[in-house]
Amino acid sequence: MLAKLMSLLLLGIVRFLTGSQARWYGCPPKAEQRIYFANHQSHADMVLIWAALPEELRTITRPIAAKDYWTKTPFRQWITTAVFNAVYVDRQATPARPPAPAAAPPDALAAASADAATAMAGGPDPSPDTPPPPPSPEALRAALPEADPLVPLVRALESGDSIVIFPEGTRGHGGEPQPFKSGLFKLAQMFPQVVLVPAWINNVQRVMPKGEVVPVPILCSVTFGAPVQLEPGEERRPFLDRARQAVIALRDV
């Protein structure tokens, strides 16, 4: 009950200070599993997107929260846990190094030597190795080290929740988001059935500038765009650049 009351109070405060306007272009508000990815300019980004979503989406959508900031005091931790149902991400975590490739077994080495000898003797060239199929989404999730910062997000998606992420990884200070880090690409690989929705958050950095504690009333909005998807065989950087451009394109809509 206390969390519900605090939720209503925060909604009223946020909408009074910012207007918290949600604009949907090419993507209607729909109760399906989604990954919302947006530009990042302030700690208030999480709160603004949460307030902009309609109630039926807000209850199934979990924003990510920097663990070092949002658990600094008991009140912040209670707000993010009880009200926002946030997913904590440890920004200091370092993914474990991937294991070194195993040495080829002796029988494989013998087979390769035999193929080479056949080719040198004038026989047919050995057939080229068929490239292995890409790992399945389930295999990618199973191979994720427990120390990887993506683990809490993967667990939330596996449970059927939608999430809100900021692929820059840190707050930007320019007119455009910084290059996206690889997390969005990895999640798209692991959860191909989840809808990827870009969003542009406007003006929130002026409501709560870095280092300030008193918010300033300024009209803000969140623009949600048409979904993007990871194409078969698409490489990491082209996908991340395309996703970033989908966010930037919403700035002037």
C-alpha atoms as a PDB file:
ATOM      1  CA  MET A   1       0.000   0.000   0.000  1.00  0.00           C
ATOM      2  CA  LEU A   2       2.818   2.393   0.858  1.00  0.00           C
ATOM      3  CA  ALA A   3       4.527   1.655  -2.465  1.00  0.00           C
ATOM      4  CA  LYS A   4       1.259   2.268  -4.317  1.00  0.00           C
ATOM      5  CA  LEU A   5       0.760   5.607  -2.602  1.00  0.00           C
ATOM      6  CA  MET A   6       4.349   6.627  -3.324  1.00  0.00           C
ATOM      7  CA  SER A   7       3.871   5.612  -6.960  1.00  0.00           C
ATOM      8  CA  LEU A   8       0.836   7.894  -7.283  1.00  0.00           C
ATOM      9  CA  LEU A   9       2.667  10.723  -5.525  1.00  0.00           C
ATOM     10  CA  LEU A  10       5.696  10.425  -7.810  1.00  0.00           C
ATOM     11  CA  LEU A  11       3.509  10.308 -10.899  1.00  0.00           C
ATOM     12  CA  GLY A  12       1.833  13.522  -9.810  1.00  0.00           C
ATOM     13  CA  ILE A  13       5.139  15.257  -9.075  1.00  0.00           C
ATOM     14  CA  VAL A  14       6.810  14.137 -12.308  1.00  0.00           C
ATOM     15  CA  ARG A  15       3.847  15.091 -14.461  1.00  0.00           C
ATOM     16  CA  PHE A  16       3.554  18.461 -12.710  1.00  0.00           C
ATOM     17  CA  LEU A  17       7.258  19.241 -13.232  1.00  0.00           C
ATOM     18  CA  THR A  18       7.692  17.856 -16.747  1.00  0.00           C
ATOM     19  CA  GLY A  19       4.317  17.143 -18.304  1.00  0.00           C
ATOM     20  CA  SER A  20       5.740  13.668 -18.990  1.00  0.00           C
ATOM     21  CA  GLN A  21       4.318  13.528 -22.505  1.00  0.00           C
ATOM     22  CA  ALA A  22       4.511  10.208 -24.335  1.00  0.00           C
ATOM     23  CA  ARG A  23       4.427  10.374 -28.136  1.00  0.00           C
ATOM     24  CA  TRP A  24       4.096   7.172 -30.138  1.00  0.00           C
ATOM     25  CA  TYR A  25       5.276   7.132 -33.775  1.00  0.00           C
ATOM     26  CA  GLY A  26       5.097   3.843 -35.660  1.00  0.00           C
ATOM     27  CA  CYS A  27       4.765   1.957 -32.401  1.00  0.00           C
ATOM     28  CA  PRO A  28       1.501   1.925 -30.453  1.00  0.00           C
ATOM     29  CA  PRO A  29       1.525   1.307 -26.708  1.00  0.00           C
ATOM     30  CA  LYS A  30       1.022  -2.445 -26.591  1.00  0.00           C
ATOM     31  CA  ALA A  31       1.309  -5.011 -23.818  1.00  0.00           C
ATOM     32  CA  GLU A  32       4.010  -7.166 -25.420  1.00  0.00           C
ATOM     33  CA  GLN A  33       7.505  -7.944 -24.245  1.00  0.00           C
ATOM     34  CA  ARG A  34       9.810  -5.125 -25.290  1.00  0.00           C
ATOM     35  CA  ILE A  35      13.251  -3.665 -24.813  1.00  0.00           C
ATOM     36  CA  TYR A  36      12.953   0.128 -24.827  1.00  0.00           C
ATOM     37  CA  PHE A  37      16.332   1.741 -25.552  1.00  0.00           C
ATOM     38  CA  ALA A  38      16.861   5.484 -25.227  1.00  0.00           C
ATOM     39  CA  ASN A  39      19.376   8.314 -24.995  1.00  0.00           C
ATOM     40  CA  HIS A  40      20.755   8.975 -21.521  1.00  0.00           C
ATOM     41  CA  GLN A  41      21.259  12.475 -20.103  1.00  0.00           C
ATOM     42  CA  SER A  42      20.225  12.335 -16.451  1.00  0.00           C
ATOM     43  CA  HIS A  43      19.434  10.037 -13.548  1.00  0.00           C
ATOM     44  CA  ALA A  44      15.871  11.275 -14.060  1.00  0.00           C
ATOM     45  CA  ASP A  45      15.658   9.469 -17.433  1.00  0.00           C
ATOM     46  CA  MET A  46      14.497   6.307 -15.734  1.00  0.00           C
ATOM     47  CA  VAL A  47      11.770   8.168 -13.838  1.00  0.00           C
ATOM     48  CA  LEU A  48      10.556  10.069 -16.909  1.00  0.00           C
ATOM     49  CA  ILE A  49      10.133   6.964 -19.089  1.00  0.00           C
ATOM     50  CA  TRP A  50       8.416   5.168 -16.198  1.00  0.00           C
ATOM     51  CA  ALA A  51       5.966   8.074 -15.817  1.00  0.00           C
ATOM     52  CA  ALA A  52       5.390   8.398 -19.573  1.00  0.00           C
ATOM     53  CA  LEU A  53       4.287   4.786 -20.042  1.00  0.00           C
ATOM     54  CA  PRO A  54       0.583   4.017 -19.625  1.00  0.00           C
ATOM     55  CA  GLU A  55      -0.245   2.076 -16.473  1.00  0.00           C
ATOM     56  CA  GLU A  56      -0.769  -1.255 -18.242  1.00  0.00           C
ATOM     57  CA  LEU A  57       2.783  -1.040 -19.635  1.00  0.00           C
ATOM     58  CA  ARG A  58       4.329   0.504 -16.543  1.00  0.00           C
ATOM     59  CA  THR A  59       3.410  -2.535 -14.454  1.00  0.00           C
ATOM     60  CA  ILE A  60       5.241  -4.951 -16.781  1.00  0.00           C
ATOM     61  CA  THR A  61       8.251  -2.763 -17.630  1.00  0.00           C
ATOM     62  CA  ARG A  62      11.385  -2.626 -15.489  1.00  0.00           C
ATOM     63  CA  PRO A  63      13.898   0.199 -15.961  1.00  0.00           C
ATOM     64  CA  ILE A  64      17.558  -0.477 -15.279  1.00  0.00           C
ATOM     65  CA  ALA A  65      19.175   1.441 -12.436  1.00  0.00           C
ATOM     66  CA  ALA A  66      22.852   1.994 -11.648  1.00  0.00           C
ATOM     67  CA  LYS A  67      23.371   0.007  -8.467  1.00  0.00           C
ATOM     68  CA  ASP A  68      26.077   2.285  -7.058  1.00  0.00           C
ATOM     69  CA  TYR A  69      23.820   5.362  -7.321  1.00  0.00           C
ATOM     70  CA  TRP A  70      20.353   4.031  -6.583  1.00  0.00           C
ATOM     71  CA  THR A  71      21.339   1.953  -3.543  1.00  0.00           C
ATOM     72  CA  LYS A  72      23.427   4.695  -1.938  1.00  0.00           C
ATOM     73  CA  THR A  73      20.696   5.420   0.626  1.00  0.00           C
ATOM     74  CA  PRO A  74      17.915   3.205   2.025  1.00  0.00           C
ATOM     75  CA  PHE A  75      15.269   5.545   0.581  1.00  0.00           C
ATOM     76  CA  ARG A  76      16.657   5.400  -2.966  1.00  0.00           C
ATOM     77  CA  GLN A  77      16.888   1.643  -2.739  1.00  0.00           C
ATOM     78  CA  TRP A  78      13.310   1.364  -1.505  1.00  0.00           C
ATOM     79  CA  ILE A  79      12.025   3.647  -4.277  1.00  0.00           C
ATOM     80  CA  THR A  80      13.776   1.737  -7.044  1.00  0.00           C
ATOM     81  CA  THR A  81      12.776  -1.640  -5.636  1.00  0.00           C
ATOM     82  CA  ALA A  82       9.227  -1.110  -4.365  1.00  0.00           C
ATOM     83  CA  VAL A  83       7.999   1.598  -6.757  1.00  0.00           C
ATOM     84  CA  PHE A  84       9.953   1.237 -10.017  1.00  0.00           C
ATOM     85  CA  ASN A  85      10.701  -2.507  -9.725  1.00  0.00           C
ATOM     86  CA  ALA A  86      14.041  -1.598 -11.287  1.00  0.00           C
ATOM     87  CA  VAL A  87      16.777  -3.972 -12.407  1.00  0.00           C
ATOM     88  CA  TYR A  88      20.046  -3.090 -10.695  1.00  0.00           C
ATOM     89  CA  VAL A  89      23.131  -3.066 -12.911  1.00  0.00           C
ATOM     90  CA  ASP A  90      26.610  -2.963 -11.434  1.00  0.00           C
ATOM     91  CA  ARG A  91      28.510  -0.438 -13.549  1.00  0.00           C
ATOM     92  CA  GLN A  92      31.795  -1.559 -12.004  1.00  0.00           C
ATOM     93  CA  ALA A  93      31.397  -5.227 -12.920  1.00  0.00           C
ATOM     94  CA  THR A  94      33.850  -6.615 -15.431  1.00  0.00           C
ATOM     95  CA  PRO A  95      32.765  -9.492 -17.657  1.00  0.00           C
ATOM     96  CA  ALA A  96      34.837 -12.611 -17.238  1.00  0.00           C
ATOM     97  CA  ARG A  97      37.317 -13.339 -19.989  1.00  0.00           C
ATOM     98  CA  PRO A  98      36.117 -15.991 -22.420  1.00  0.00           C
ATOM     99  CA  PRO A  99      37.886 -19.323 -22.000  1.00  0.00           C
ATOM    100  CA  ALA A 100      40.832 -20.000 -24.290  1.00  0.00           C
ATOM    101  CA  PRO A 101      39.960 -22.240 -27.224  1.00  0.00           C
ATOM    102  CA  ALA A 102      40.626 -25.887 -26.523  1.00  0.00           C
ATOM    103  CA  ALA A 103      43.433 -27.607 -28.408  1.00  0.00           C
ATOM    104  CA  ALA A 104      42.357 -29.791 -31.274  1.00  0.00           C
ATOM    105  CA  PRO A 105      42.133 -33.483 -30.313  1.00  0.00           C
ATOM    106  CA  PRO A 106      44.804 -35.815 -31.732  1.00  0.00           C
ATOM    107  CA  ASP A 107      42.399 -37.541 -34.122  1.00  0.00           C
ATOM    108  CA  ALA A 108      41.441 -34.166 -35.630  1.00  0.00           C
ATOM    109  CA  LEU A 109      45.111 -33.309 -36.115  1.00  0.00           C
ATOM    110  CA  ALA A 110      45.705 -36.688 -37.762  1.00  0.00           C
ATOM    111  CA  ALA A 111      42.763 -36.159 -40.119  1.00  0.00           C
ATOM    112  CA  ALA A 112      44.056 -32.733 -41.093  1.00  0.00           C
ATOM    113  CA  SER A 113      47.515 -34.160 -41.783  1.00  0.00           C
ATOM    114  CA  ALA A 114      45.999 -36.884 -43.954  1.00  0.00           C
ATOM    115  CA  ASP A 115      44.031 -34.313 -45.958  1.00  0.00           C
ATOM    116  CA  ALA A 116      47.189 -32.266 -46.484  1.00  0.00           C
ATOM    117  CA  ALA A 117      49.139 -35.322 -47.603  1.00  0.00           C
ATOM    118  CA  THR A 118      46.396 -36.242 -50.075  1.00  0.00           C
ATOM    119  CA  ALA A 119      46.479 -32.760 -51.601  1.00  0.00           C
ATOM    120  CA  MET A 120      50.287 -32.748 -51.851  1.00  0.00           C
ATOM    121  CA  ALA A 121      50.233 -36.166 -53.596  1.00  0.00           C
ATOM    122  CA  GLY A 122      48.118 -34.754 -56.389  1.00  0.00           C
ATOM    123  CA  GLY A 123      44.809 -36.038 -55.094  1.00  0.00           C
ATOM    124  CA  PRO A 124      41.649 -33.966 -54.678  1.00  0.00           C
ATOM    125  CA  ASP A 125      41.831 -30.915 -52.500  1.00  0.00           C
ATOM    126  CA  PRO A 126      40.353 -31.446 -49.070  1.00  0.00           C
ATOM    127  CA  SER A 127      36.847 -30.086 -48.765  1.00  0.00           C
ATOM    128  CA  PRO A 128      36.726 -26.790 -46.903  1.00  0.00           C
ATOM    129  CA  ASP A 129      35.300 -26.939 -43.434  1.00  0.00           C
ATOM    130  CA  THR A 130      31.653 -25.958 -43.230  1.00  0.00           C
ATOM    131  CA  PRO A 131      31.331 -22.985 -40.871  1.00  0.00           C
ATOM    132  CA  PRO A 132      29.521 -23.971 -37.692  1.00  0.00           C
ATOM    133  CA  PRO A 133      25.976 -22.655 -37.297  1.00  0.00           C
ATOM    134  CA  PRO A 134      25.606 -19.651 -35.005  1.00  0.00           C
ATOM    135  CA  PRO A 135      24.836 -20.533 -31.392  1.00  0.00           C
ATOM    136  CA  SER A 136      21.194 -20.560 -30.394  1.00  0.00           C
ATOM    137  CA  PRO A 137      19.784 -17.829 -28.138  1.00  0.00           C
ATOM    138  CA  GLU A 138      19.513 -20.415 -25.345  1.00  0.00           C
ATOM    139  CA  ALA A 139      23.187 -21.340 -25.758  1.00  0.00           C
ATOM    140  CA  LEU A 140      24.225 -17.686 -25.682  1.00  0.00           C
ATOM    141  CA  ARG A 141      22.323 -17.132 -22.449  1.00  0.00           C
ATOM    142  CA  ALA A 142      23.752 -20.278 -20.875  1.00  0.00           C
ATOM    143  CA  ALA A 143      27.305 -19.214 -21.776  1.00  0.00           C
ATOM    144  CA  LEU A 144      26.968 -15.774 -20.147  1.00  0.00           C
ATOM    145  CA  PRO A 145      29.365 -15.532 -17.160  1.00  0.00           C
ATOM    146  CA  GLU A 146      27.696 -14.809 -13.841  1.00  0.00           C
ATOM    147  CA  ALA A 147      29.898 -11.725 -13.426  1.00  0.00           C
ATOM    148  CA  ASP A 148      28.615 -10.175 -16.657  1.00  0.00           C
ATOM    149  CA  PRO A 149      26.617  -6.942 -16.061  1.00  0.00           C
ATOM    150  CA  LEU A 150      23.952  -8.217 -18.489  1.00  0.00           C
ATOM    151  CA  VAL A 151      22.959 -11.118 -16.222  1.00  0.00           C
ATOM    152  CA  PRO A 152      20.249  -9.178 -14.271  1.00  0.00           C
ATOM    153  CA  LEU A 153      18.724  -7.972 -17.562  1.00  0.00           C
ATOM    154  CA  VAL A 154      18.744 -11.496 -18.980  1.00  0.00           C
ATOM    155  CA  ARG A 155      16.991 -12.808 -15.873  1.00  0.00           C
ATOM    156  CA  ALA A 156      14.325 -10.105 -16.141  1.00  0.00           C
ATOM    157  CA  LEU A 157      13.699 -10.898 -19.815  1.00  0.00           C
ATOM    158  CA  GLU A 158      13.612 -14.632 -19.121  1.00  0.00           C
ATOM    159  CA  SER A 159      10.855 -13.992 -16.573  1.00  0.00           C
ATOM    160  CA  GLY A 160       8.757 -12.228 -19.256  1.00  0.00           C
ATOM    161  CA  ASP A 161       9.318  -8.612 -18.198  1.00  0.00           C
ATOM    162  CA  SER A 162       9.960  -5.699 -20.539  1.00  0.00           C
ATOM    163  CA  ILE A 163      12.966  -3.514 -19.726  1.00  0.00           C
ATOM    164  CA  VAL A 164      14.249   0.022 -20.354  1.00  0.00           C
ATOM    165  CA  ILE A 165      17.963   0.376 -21.113  1.00  0.00           C
ATOM    166  CA  PHE A 166      20.382   3.165 -22.030  1.00  0.00           C
ATOM    167  CA  PRO A 167      22.882   1.657 -24.498  1.00  0.00           C
ATOM    168  CA  GLU A 168      25.395   4.504 -24.136  1.00  0.00           C
ATOM    169  CA  GLY A 169      26.281   3.062 -20.739  1.00  0.00           C
ATOM    170  CA  THR A 170      26.810   6.528 -19.258  1.00  0.00           C
ATOM    171  CA  ARG A 171      25.199   9.938 -19.492  1.00  0.00           C
ATOM    172  CA  GLY A 172      25.900  12.007 -22.585  1.00  0.00           C
ATOM    173  CA  HIS A 173      26.393  15.759 -22.636  1.00  0.00           C
ATOM    174  CA  GLY A 174      25.996  16.590 -26.328  1.00  0.00           C
ATOM    175  CA  GLY A 175      23.107  16.871 -28.701  1.00  0.00           C
ATOM    176  CA  GLU A 176      23.463  13.245 -29.800  1.00  0.00           C
ATOM    177  CA  PRO A 177      23.964  10.044 -27.819  1.00  0.00           C
ATOM    178  CA  GLN A 178      27.427   8.558 -27.598  1.00  0.00           C
ATOM    179  CA  PRO A 179      28.190   5.375 -29.557  1.00  0.00           C
ATOM    180  CA  PHE A 180      26.175   2.460 -28.229  1.00  0.00           C
ATOM    181  CA  LYS A 181      27.929  -0.261 -26.290  1.00  0.00           C
ATOM    182  CA  SER A 182      27.467  -3.923 -27.111  1.00  0.00           C
ATOM    183  CA  GLY A 183      24.779  -4.794 -24.538  1.00  0.00           C
ATOM    184  CA  LEU A 184      21.822  -4.085 -26.828  1.00  0.00           C
ATOM    185  CA  PHE A 185      23.329  -6.267 -29.565  1.00  0.00           C
ATOM    186  CA  LYS A 186      23.873  -9.172 -27.162  1.00  0.00           C
ATOM    187  CA  LEU A 187      20.328  -8.925 -25.810  1.00  0.00           C
ATOM    188  CA  ALA A 188      18.939  -8.869 -29.363  1.00  0.00           C
ATOM    189  CA  GLN A 189      20.874 -12.074 -30.060  1.00  0.00           C
ATOM    190  CA  MET A 190      19.688 -13.767 -26.876  1.00  0.00           C
ATOM    191  CA  PHE A 191      16.031 -12.686 -27.191  1.00  0.00           C
ATOM    192  CA  PRO A 192      15.123 -12.442 -30.893  1.00  0.00           C
ATOM    193  CA  GLN A 193      11.405 -12.583 -30.078  1.00  0.00           C
ATOM    194  CA  VAL A 194      11.487  -9.422 -27.929  1.00  0.00           C
ATOM    195  CA  VAL A 195      10.489  -6.186 -29.704  1.00  0.00           C
ATOM    196  CA  LEU A 196      13.210  -3.488 -29.727  1.00  0.00           C
ATOM    197  CA  VAL A 197      11.686  -0.005 -29.421  1.00  0.00           C
ATOM    198  CA  PRO A 198      13.826   3.153 -29.738  1.00  0.00           C
ATOM    199  CA  ALA A 199      12.961   6.212 -27.648  1.00  0.00           C
ATOM    200  CA  TRP A 200      14.137   9.807 -27.473  1.00  0.00           C
ATOM    201  CA  ILE A 201      13.979  11.617 -24.126  1.00  0.00           C
ATOM    202  CA  ASN A 202      13.786  15.379 -24.576  1.00  0.00           C
ATOM    203  CA  ASN A 203      14.714  18.127 -22.115  1.00  0.00           C
ATOM    204  CA  VAL A 204      15.081  15.998 -18.974  1.00  0.00           C
ATOM    205  CA  GLN A 205      18.717  17.082 -18.476  1.00  0.00           C
ATOM    206  CA  ARG A 206      17.389  20.621 -17.882  1.00  0.00           C
ATOM    207  CA  VAL A 207      14.994  19.413 -15.191  1.00  0.00           C
ATOM    208  CA  MET A 208      17.739  17.823 -13.121  1.00  0.00           C
ATOM    209  CA  PRO A 209      21.181  19.062 -14.252  1.00  0.00           C
ATOM    210  CA  LYS A 210      24.183  17.063 -13.114  1.00  0.00           C
ATOM    211  CA  GLY A 211      25.129  17.972  -9.547  1.00  0.00           C
ATOM    212  CA  GLU A 212      21.792  19.629  -8.742  1.00  0.00           C
ATOM    213  CA  VAL A 213      19.275  18.315  -6.215  1.00  0.00           C
ATOM    214  CA  VAL A 214      16.320  20.651  -6.807  1.00  0.00           C
ATOM    215  CA  PRO A 215      14.363  19.935 -10.017  1.00  0.00           C
ATOM    216  CA  VAL A 216      13.290  22.761 -12.334  1.00  0.00           C
ATOM    217  CA  PRO A 217       9.822  22.664 -13.969  1.00  0.00           C
ATOM    218  CA  ILE A 218      10.357  22.232 -17.723  1.00  0.00           C
ATOM    219  CA  LEU A 219       8.145  20.523 -20.290  1.00  0.00           C
ATOM    220  CA  CYS A 220       9.620  17.155 -21.283  1.00  0.00           C
ATOM    221  CA  SER A 221       8.580  14.361 -23.597  1.00  0.00           C
ATOM    222  CA  VAL A 222       9.445  10.790 -24.545  1.00  0.00           C
ATOM    223  CA  THR A 223       9.042   9.859 -28.212  1.00  0.00           C
ATOM    224  CA  PHE A 224       8.766   6.162 -29.011  1.00  0.00           C
ATOM    225  CA  GLY A 225       9.609   5.074 -32.568  1.00  0.00           C
ATOM    226  CA  ALA A 226       9.114   2.142 -34.900  1.00  0.00           C
ATOM    227  CA  PRO A 227      10.760  -1.089 -33.706  1.00  0.00           C
ATOM    228  CA  VAL A 228      14.093  -2.238 -35.093  1.00  0.00           C
ATOM    229  CA  GLN A 229      15.373  -5.784 -35.273  1.00  0.00           C
ATOM    230  CA  LEU A 230      18.658  -7.598 -35.624  1.00  0.00           C
ATOM    231  CA  GLU A 231      18.875  -8.880 -39.179  1.00  0.00           C
ATOM    232  CA  PRO A 232      20.241 -12.390 -39.881  1.00  0.00           C
ATOM    233  CA  GLY A 233      24.012 -12.240 -40.065  1.00  0.00           C
ATOM    234  CA  GLU A 234      24.174  -8.557 -39.117  1.00  0.00           C
ATOM    235  CA  GLU A 235      27.394  -7.620 -37.347  1.00  0.00           C
ATOM    236  CA  ARG A 236      27.573  -5.890 -33.992  1.00  0.00           C
ATOM    237  CA  ARG A 237      28.738  -2.395 -34.976  1.00  0.00           C
ATOM    238  CA  PRO A 238      26.419  -1.910 -37.994  1.00  0.00           C
ATOM    239  CA  PHE A 239      23.454  -2.961 -35.837  1.00  0.00           C
ATOM    240  CA  LEU A 240      24.412  -0.656 -32.964  1.00  0.00           C
ATOM    241  CA  ASP A 241      24.960   2.275 -35.327  1.00  0.00           C
ATOM    242  CA  ARG A 242      21.580   1.634 -36.945  1.00  0.00           C
ATOM    243  CA  ALA A 243      19.872   1.432 -33.531  1.00  0.00           C
ATOM    244  CA  ARG A 244      21.544   4.684 -32.453  1.00  0.00           C
ATOM    245  CA  GLN A 245      20.361   6.420 -35.624  1.00  0.00           C
ATOM    246  CA  ALA A 246      16.814   5.184 -34.929  1.00  0.00           C
ATOM    247  CA  VAL A 247      16.982   7.005 -31.570  1.00  0.00           C
ATOM    248  CA  ILE A 248      18.483  10.186 -33.037  1.00  0.00           C
ATOM    249  CA  ALA A 249      15.832  10.260 -35.804  1.00  0.00           C
ATOM    250  CA  LEU A 250      13.155  10.702 -33.124  1.00  0.00           C
ATOM    251  CA  ARG A 251      14.721  13.952 -31.881  1.00  0.00           C
ATOM    252  CA  ASP A 252      13.035  16.085 -34.523  1.00  0.00           C
ATOM    253  CA  VAL A 253       9.773  14.168 -34.872  1.00  0.00           C
END
